[in-house]
C-alpha atoms as a PDB file:
ATOM      1  CA  UNK A   1     141.151 -52.981  92.813  1.00  0.00           C
ATOM      2  CA  UNK A   2     141.535 -49.305  91.938  1.00  0.00           C
ATOM      3  CA  UNK A   3     141.609 -47.310  95.197  1.00  0.00           C
ATOM      4  CA  UNK A   4     138.588 -45.170  94.236  1.00  0.00           C
ATOM      5  CA  UNK A   5     136.525 -48.212  93.278  1.00  0.00           C
ATOM      6  CA  UNK A   6     137.681 -50.084  96.403  1.00  0.00           C
ATOM      7  CA  UNK A   7     136.499 -47.257  98.668  1.00  0.00           C
ATOM      8  CA  UNK A   8     133.152 -47.012  96.875  1.00  0.00           C
ATOM      9  CA  UNK A   9     132.563 -50.781  97.045  1.00  0.00           C
ATOM     10  CA  UNK A  10     133.486 -50.859 100.762  1.00  0.00           C
ATOM     11  CA  UNK A  11     131.052 -48.021 101.492  1.00  0.00           C
ATOM     12  CA  UNK A  12     128.231 -49.747  99.624  1.00  0.00           C
ATOM     13  CA  UNK A  13     128.923 -52.999 101.496  1.00  0.00           C
ATOM     14  CA  UNK A  14     128.979 -51.098 104.810  1.00  0.00           C
ATOM     15  CA  UNK A  15     125.659 -49.444 103.923  1.00  0.00           C
ATOM     16  CA  UNK A  16     124.171 -52.822 102.983  1.00  0.00           C
ATOM     17  CA  UNK A  17     125.146 -54.320 106.356  1.00  0.00           C
ATOM     18  CA  UNK A  18     123.482 -51.398 108.140  1.00  0.00           C
ATOM     19  CA  UNK A  19     120.363 -51.630 105.965  1.00  0.00           C
ATOM     20  CA  UNK A  20     120.071 -55.402 106.517  1.00  0.00           C
ATOM     21  CA  UNK A  21     119.409 -54.680 110.197  1.00  0.00           C
ATOM     22  CA  UNK A  22     116.512 -52.392 109.326  1.00  0.00           C
ATOM     23  CA  UNK A  23     115.121 -53.326 105.930  1.00  0.00           C
ATOM     24  CA  UNK A  24     116.554 -56.209 103.924  1.00  0.00           C
ATOM     25  CA  UNK A  25     115.504 -54.798 100.545  1.00  0.00           C
ATOM     26  CA  UNK A  26     118.260 -52.765  98.923  1.00  0.00           C
ATOM     27  CA  UNK A  27     117.389 -50.238  96.190  1.00  0.00           C
ATOM     28  CA  UNK A  28     117.904 -51.645  92.684  1.00  0.00           C
ATOM     29  CA  UNK A  29     119.946 -48.582  91.730  1.00  0.00           C
ATOM     30  CA  UNK A  30     122.468 -49.384  94.443  1.00  0.00           C
ATOM     31  CA  UNK A  31     122.822 -52.962  93.161  1.00  0.00           C
ATOM     32  CA  UNK A  32     123.291 -51.618  89.627  1.00  0.00           C
ATOM     33  CA  UNK A  33     125.866 -49.050  90.724  1.00  0.00           C
ATOM     34  CA  UNK A  34     127.835 -51.721  92.549  1.00  0.00           C
ATOM     35  CA  UNK A  35     127.847 -53.943  89.465  1.00  0.00           C
ATOM     36  CA  UNK A  36     129.158 -51.040  87.402  1.00  0.00           C
ATOM     37  CA  UNK A  37     131.952 -50.414  89.919  1.00  0.00           C
ATOM     38  CA  UNK A  38     132.982 -54.067  89.799  1.00  0.00           C
ATOM     39  CA  UNK A  39     132.908 -53.997  85.977  1.00  0.00           C
ATOM     40  CA  UNK A  40     134.868 -50.728  85.820  1.00  0.00           C
ATOM     41  CA  UNK A  41     137.533 -52.195  88.067  1.00  0.00           C
ATOM     42  CA  UNK A  42     137.796 -55.355  85.960  1.00  0.00           C
ATOM     43  CA  UNK A  43     137.993 -53.405  82.702  1.00  0.00           C
ATOM     44  CA  UNK A  44     140.683 -51.179  84.186  1.00  0.00           C
ATOM     45  CA  UNK A  45     142.653 -54.230  85.342  1.00  0.00           C
ATOM     46  CA  UNK A  46     142.715 -55.570  81.776  1.00  0.00           C
ATOM     47  CA  UNK A  47     143.783 -52.118  80.555  1.00  0.00           C
ATOM     48  CA  UNK A  48     140.756 -51.190  78.458  1.00  0.00           C
ATOM     49  CA  UNK A  49     140.684 -47.600  79.816  1.00  0.00           C
ATOM     50  CA  UNK A  50     137.047 -47.514  80.974  1.00  0.00           C
ATOM     51  CA  UNK A  51     135.165 -44.290  81.474  1.00  0.00           C
ATOM     52  CA  UNK A  52     131.965 -44.346  83.549  1.00  0.00           C
ATOM     53  CA  UNK A  53     129.008 -42.652  81.874  1.00  0.00           C
ATOM     54  CA  UNK A  54     127.007 -42.562  85.109  1.00  0.00           C
ATOM     55  CA  UNK A  55     123.548 -43.376  83.777  1.00  0.00           C
ATOM     56  CA  UNK A  56     123.434 -40.287  81.572  1.00  0.00           C
ATOM     57  CA  UNK A  57     123.646 -42.176  78.316  1.00  0.00           C
ATOM     58  CA  UNK A  58     122.343 -45.221  76.554  1.00  0.00           C
ATOM     59  CA  UNK A  59     125.267 -47.286  77.907  1.00  0.00           C
ATOM     60  CA  UNK A  60     127.206 -47.348  81.185  1.00  0.00           C
ATOM     61  CA  UNK A  61     130.893 -47.516  80.297  1.00  0.00           C
ATOM     62  CA  UNK A  62     132.904 -46.200  77.378  1.00  0.00           C
ATOM     63  CA  UNK A  63     136.230 -47.819  76.478  1.00  0.00           C
ATOM     64  CA  UNK A  64     138.330 -44.937  75.212  1.00  0.00           C
ATOM     65  CA  UNK A  65     141.185 -46.978  73.771  1.00  0.00           C
ATOM     66  CA  UNK A  66     139.019 -49.071  71.448  1.00  0.00           C
ATOM     67  CA  UNK A  67     135.948 -46.814  71.209  1.00  0.00           C
ATOM     68  CA  UNK A  68     133.430 -49.424  72.419  1.00  0.00           C
ATOM     69  CA  UNK A  69     130.319 -49.071  74.604  1.00  0.00           C
ATOM     70  CA  UNK A  70     129.471 -51.401  77.474  1.00  0.00           C
ATOM     71  CA  UNK A  71     126.030 -51.870  79.008  1.00  0.00           C
ATOM     72  CA  UNK A  72     126.193 -53.358  82.514  1.00  0.00           C
ATOM     73  CA  UNK A  73     123.305 -55.266  84.103  1.00  0.00           C
ATOM     74  CA  UNK A  74     123.514 -56.555  87.661  1.00  0.00           C
ATOM     75  CA  UNK A  75     121.496 -59.171  89.519  1.00  0.00           C
ATOM     76  CA  UNK A  76     121.331 -60.871  92.878  1.00  0.00           C
ATOM     77  CA  UNK A  77     119.984 -64.439  93.157  1.00  0.00           C
ATOM     78  CA  UNK A  78     116.193 -64.221  92.847  1.00  0.00           C
ATOM     79  CA  UNK A  79     112.976 -65.942  91.895  1.00  0.00           C
ATOM     80  CA  UNK A  80     110.511 -63.009  91.875  1.00  0.00           C
ATOM     81  CA  UNK A  81     107.599 -65.416  91.711  1.00  0.00           C
ATOM     82  CA  UNK A  82     108.447 -66.262  88.094  1.00  0.00           C
ATOM     83  CA  UNK A  83     108.705 -69.943  88.962  1.00  0.00           C
ATOM     84  CA  UNK A  84     106.232 -71.305  91.531  1.00  0.00           C
ATOM     85  CA  UNK A  85     108.952 -73.351  93.229  1.00  0.00           C
ATOM     86  CA  UNK A  86     110.827 -70.834  95.423  1.00  0.00           C
ATOM     87  CA  UNK A  87     113.928 -73.062  95.461  1.00  0.00           C
ATOM     88  CA  UNK A  88     114.514 -72.130  91.805  1.00  0.00           C
ATOM     89  CA  UNK A  89     116.982 -69.263  91.893  1.00  0.00           C
ATOM     90  CA  UNK A  90     118.555 -67.402  88.989  1.00  0.00           C
ATOM     91  CA  UNK A  91     120.368 -64.260  88.070  1.00  0.00           C
ATOM     92  CA  UNK A  92     118.052 -62.330  85.787  1.00  0.00           C
ATOM     93  CA  UNK A  93     119.150 -59.581  83.433  1.00  0.00           C
ATOM     94  CA  UNK A  94     116.847 -57.606  81.173  1.00  0.00           C
ATOM     95  CA  UNK A  95     118.177 -57.181  77.655  1.00  0.00           C
ATOM     96  CA  UNK A  96     115.315 -55.262  76.026  1.00  0.00           C
ATOM     97  CA  UNK A  97     111.956 -53.797  76.996  1.00  0.00           C
ATOM     98  CA  UNK A  98     108.851 -54.315  74.922  1.00  0.00           C
ATOM     99  CA  UNK A  99     108.148 -51.267  72.704  1.00  0.00           C
ATOM    100  CA  UNK A 100     111.803 -50.253  73.005  1.00  0.00           C
ATOM    101  CA  UNK A 101     113.296 -49.172  69.725  1.00  0.00           C
ATOM    102  CA  UNK A 102     116.405 -51.277  69.284  1.00  0.00           C
ATOM    103  CA  UNK A 103     119.375 -49.372  68.083  1.00  0.00           C
ATOM    104  CA  UNK A 104     123.039 -50.112  68.488  1.00  0.00           C
ATOM    105  CA  UNK A 105     123.092 -48.512  71.940  1.00  0.00           C
ATOM    106  CA  UNK A 106     125.973 -50.674  73.122  1.00  0.00           C
ATOM    107  CA  UNK A 107     128.618 -52.977  71.720  1.00  0.00           C
ATOM    108  CA  UNK A 108     128.849 -55.422  74.638  1.00  0.00           C
ATOM    109  CA  UNK A 109     126.579 -56.475  77.474  1.00  0.00           C
ATOM    110  CA  UNK A 110     128.307 -57.365  80.735  1.00  0.00           C
ATOM    111  CA  UNK A 111     125.987 -59.178  83.125  1.00  0.00           C
ATOM    112  CA  UNK A 112     127.170 -59.114  86.713  1.00  0.00           C
ATOM    113  CA  UNK A 113     125.927 -61.758  89.140  1.00  0.00           C
ATOM    114  CA  UNK A 114     126.318 -61.064  92.866  1.00  0.00           C
ATOM    115  CA  UNK A 115     125.799 -63.096  96.002  1.00  0.00           C
ATOM    116  CA  UNK A 116     123.351 -61.885  98.648  1.00  0.00           C
ATOM    117  CA  UNK A 117     126.326 -60.293 100.396  1.00  0.00           C
ATOM    118  CA  UNK A 118     127.059 -58.245  97.242  1.00  0.00           C
ATOM    119  CA  UNK A 119     130.434 -59.953  96.904  1.00  0.00           C
ATOM    120  CA  UNK A 120     132.198 -62.349  94.554  1.00  0.00           C
ATOM    121  CA  UNK A 121     131.013 -60.812  91.286  1.00  0.00           C
ATOM    122  CA  UNK A 122     130.655 -63.136  88.330  1.00  0.00           C
ATOM    123  CA  UNK A 123     130.938 -61.497  84.916  1.00  0.00           C
ATOM    124  CA  UNK A 124     129.165 -62.843  81.833  1.00  0.00           C
ATOM    125  CA  UNK A 125     130.213 -61.095  78.631  1.00  0.00           C
ATOM    126  CA  UNK A 126     127.942 -60.983  75.579  1.00  0.00           C
ATOM    127  CA  UNK A 127     128.478 -59.309  72.246  1.00  0.00           C
ATOM    128  CA  UNK A 128     125.606 -57.165  71.006  1.00  0.00           C
ATOM    129  CA  UNK A 129     124.585 -59.954  68.617  1.00  0.00           C
ATOM    130  CA  UNK A 130     124.630 -62.573  71.392  1.00  0.00           C
ATOM    131  CA  UNK A 131     122.595 -60.371  73.718  1.00  0.00           C
ATOM    132  CA  UNK A 132     119.799 -60.027  71.169  1.00  0.00           C
ATOM    133  CA  UNK A 133     119.973 -63.670  70.169  1.00  0.00           C
ATOM    134  CA  UNK A 134     118.134 -64.637  73.382  1.00  0.00           C
ATOM    135  CA  UNK A 135     114.735 -64.366  71.728  1.00  0.00           C
ATOM    136  CA  UNK A 136     111.488 -62.834  72.906  1.00  0.00           C
ATOM    137  CA  UNK A 137     109.541 -64.008  75.929  1.00  0.00           C
ATOM    138  CA  UNK A 138     106.217 -63.218  77.523  1.00  0.00           C
ATOM    139  CA  UNK A 139     106.237 -63.458  81.291  1.00  0.00           C
ATOM    140  CA  UNK A 140     102.843 -62.448  82.643  1.00  0.00           C
ATOM    141  CA  UNK A 141     104.135 -60.620  85.677  1.00  0.00           C
ATOM    142  CA  UNK A 142     106.777 -58.747  83.686  1.00  0.00           C
ATOM    143  CA  UNK A 143     104.821 -57.585  80.659  1.00  0.00           C
ATOM    144  CA  UNK A 144     107.356 -54.905  79.764  1.00  0.00           C
ATOM    145  CA  UNK A 145     110.274 -57.354  79.388  1.00  0.00           C
ATOM    146  CA  UNK A 146     110.786 -58.545  75.829  1.00  0.00           C
ATOM    147  CA  UNK A 147     114.253 -60.117  76.034  1.00  0.00           C
ATOM    148  CA  UNK A 148     116.036 -61.349  79.155  1.00  0.00           C
ATOM    149  CA  UNK A 149     118.677 -63.740  80.347  1.00  0.00           C
ATOM    150  CA  UNK A 150     118.041 -66.112  83.245  1.00  0.00           C
ATOM    151  CA  UNK A 151     121.141 -67.937  84.415  1.00  0.00           C
ATOM    152  CA  UNK A 152     120.171 -70.514  87.024  1.00  0.00           C
ATOM    153  CA  UNK A 153     122.061 -71.055  90.262  1.00  0.00           C
ATOM    154  CA  UNK A 154     122.671 -74.723  89.535  1.00  0.00           C
ATOM    155  CA  UNK A 155     121.703 -77.530  87.200  1.00  0.00           C
ATOM    156  CA  UNK A 156     118.892 -78.655  89.520  1.00  0.00           C
ATOM    157  CA  UNK A 157     117.248 -75.198  89.438  1.00  0.00           C
ATOM    158  CA  UNK A 158     117.600 -75.089  85.661  1.00  0.00           C
ATOM    159  CA  UNK A 159     115.955 -78.508  85.204  1.00  0.00           C
ATOM    160  CA  UNK A 160     113.084 -77.610  87.580  1.00  0.00           C
ATOM    161  CA  UNK A 161     112.499 -74.315  85.745  1.00  0.00           C
ATOM    162  CA  UNK A 162     112.467 -76.083  82.372  1.00  0.00           C
ATOM    163  CA  UNK A 163     109.814 -78.483  83.647  1.00  0.00           C
ATOM    164  CA  UNK A 164     107.640 -75.734  85.162  1.00  0.00           C
ATOM    165  CA  UNK A 165     107.890 -73.026  82.501  1.00  0.00           C
ATOM    166  CA  UNK A 166     109.773 -74.168  79.388  1.00  0.00           C
ATOM    167  CA  UNK A 167     108.324 -71.250  77.429  1.00  0.00           C
ATOM    168  CA  UNK A 168     110.174 -68.801  79.721  1.00  0.00           C
ATOM    169  CA  UNK A 169     113.594 -70.147  78.760  1.00  0.00           C
ATOM    170  CA  UNK A 170     114.548 -69.401  75.168  1.00  0.00           C
ATOM    171  CA  UNK A 171     116.746 -71.746  73.109  1.00  0.00           C
ATOM    172  CA  UNK A 172     119.750 -69.432  73.454  1.00  0.00           C
ATOM    173  CA  UNK A 173     119.236 -69.146  77.236  1.00  0.00           C
ATOM    174  CA  UNK A 174     119.335 -72.939  77.328  1.00  0.00           C
ATOM    175  CA  UNK A 175     122.743 -72.792  75.646  1.00  0.00           C
ATOM    176  CA  UNK A 176     123.901 -70.173  78.158  1.00  0.00           C
ATOM    177  CA  UNK A 177     122.811 -72.406  81.045  1.00  0.00           C
ATOM    178  CA  UNK A 178     124.347 -75.548  79.570  1.00  0.00           C
ATOM    179  CA  UNK A 179     127.635 -73.851  78.684  1.00  0.00           C
ATOM    180  CA  UNK A 180     128.067 -70.824  80.983  1.00  0.00           C
ATOM    181  CA  UNK A 181     131.860 -70.933  80.558  1.00  0.00           C
ATOM    182  CA  UNK A 182     131.364 -69.618  77.003  1.00  0.00           C
ATOM    183  CA  UNK A 183     130.336 -66.319  78.596  1.00  0.00           C
ATOM    184  CA  UNK A 184     131.904 -66.307  82.079  1.00  0.00           C
ATOM    185  CA  UNK A 185     134.880 -63.922  82.152  1.00  0.00           C
ATOM    186  CA  UNK A 186     135.104 -63.911  78.362  1.00  0.00           C
ATOM    187  CA  UNK A 187     136.718 -60.480  78.283  1.00  0.00           C
ATOM    188  CA  UNK A 188     138.649 -61.466  75.137  1.00  0.00           C
ATOM    189  CA  UNK A 189     135.399 -60.895  73.208  1.00  0.00           C
ATOM    190  CA  UNK A 190     135.864 -57.173  73.770  1.00  0.00           C
ATOM    191  CA  UNK A 191     137.995 -55.803  70.975  1.00  0.00           C
END
């Protein structure tokens, strides 16, 4: 890992351990920043010359060598009351808000899944077209979310979720859950 990214990740993990003793809820921004650091490191390792935009643009990372934009979304395992059975866990990434004007803000969506310890990142790579192929959903509690990706922790969670709320899992999300390897670490899509 790049020395700068390594130091930043270690500091965030140290902060998380300290916060867990006081308040187990970590700010969403911190989770997002950590996901970006992991993605930056990975993109640097595969020599795509990433440049962090730092939340000041409509995407998170710019790849100078190939002039492509990356949007990074990060998630911990969660349920958020979406499914009544609390044993159903998923990584959940928002793709688009309702009333958001869709424009080609990014070329690729990298969804980062983290463990509760903020370690062992899993990277799911989607082209722009794939990201918007997920279809629209209406989840009562999250009225502002128009498109999202739920990737379930295991097959059992996925099957339980399908039985409880089939309308929450779009046809393309079903493909993602049945064949996650089509997206996991598929960095070759980025060109």
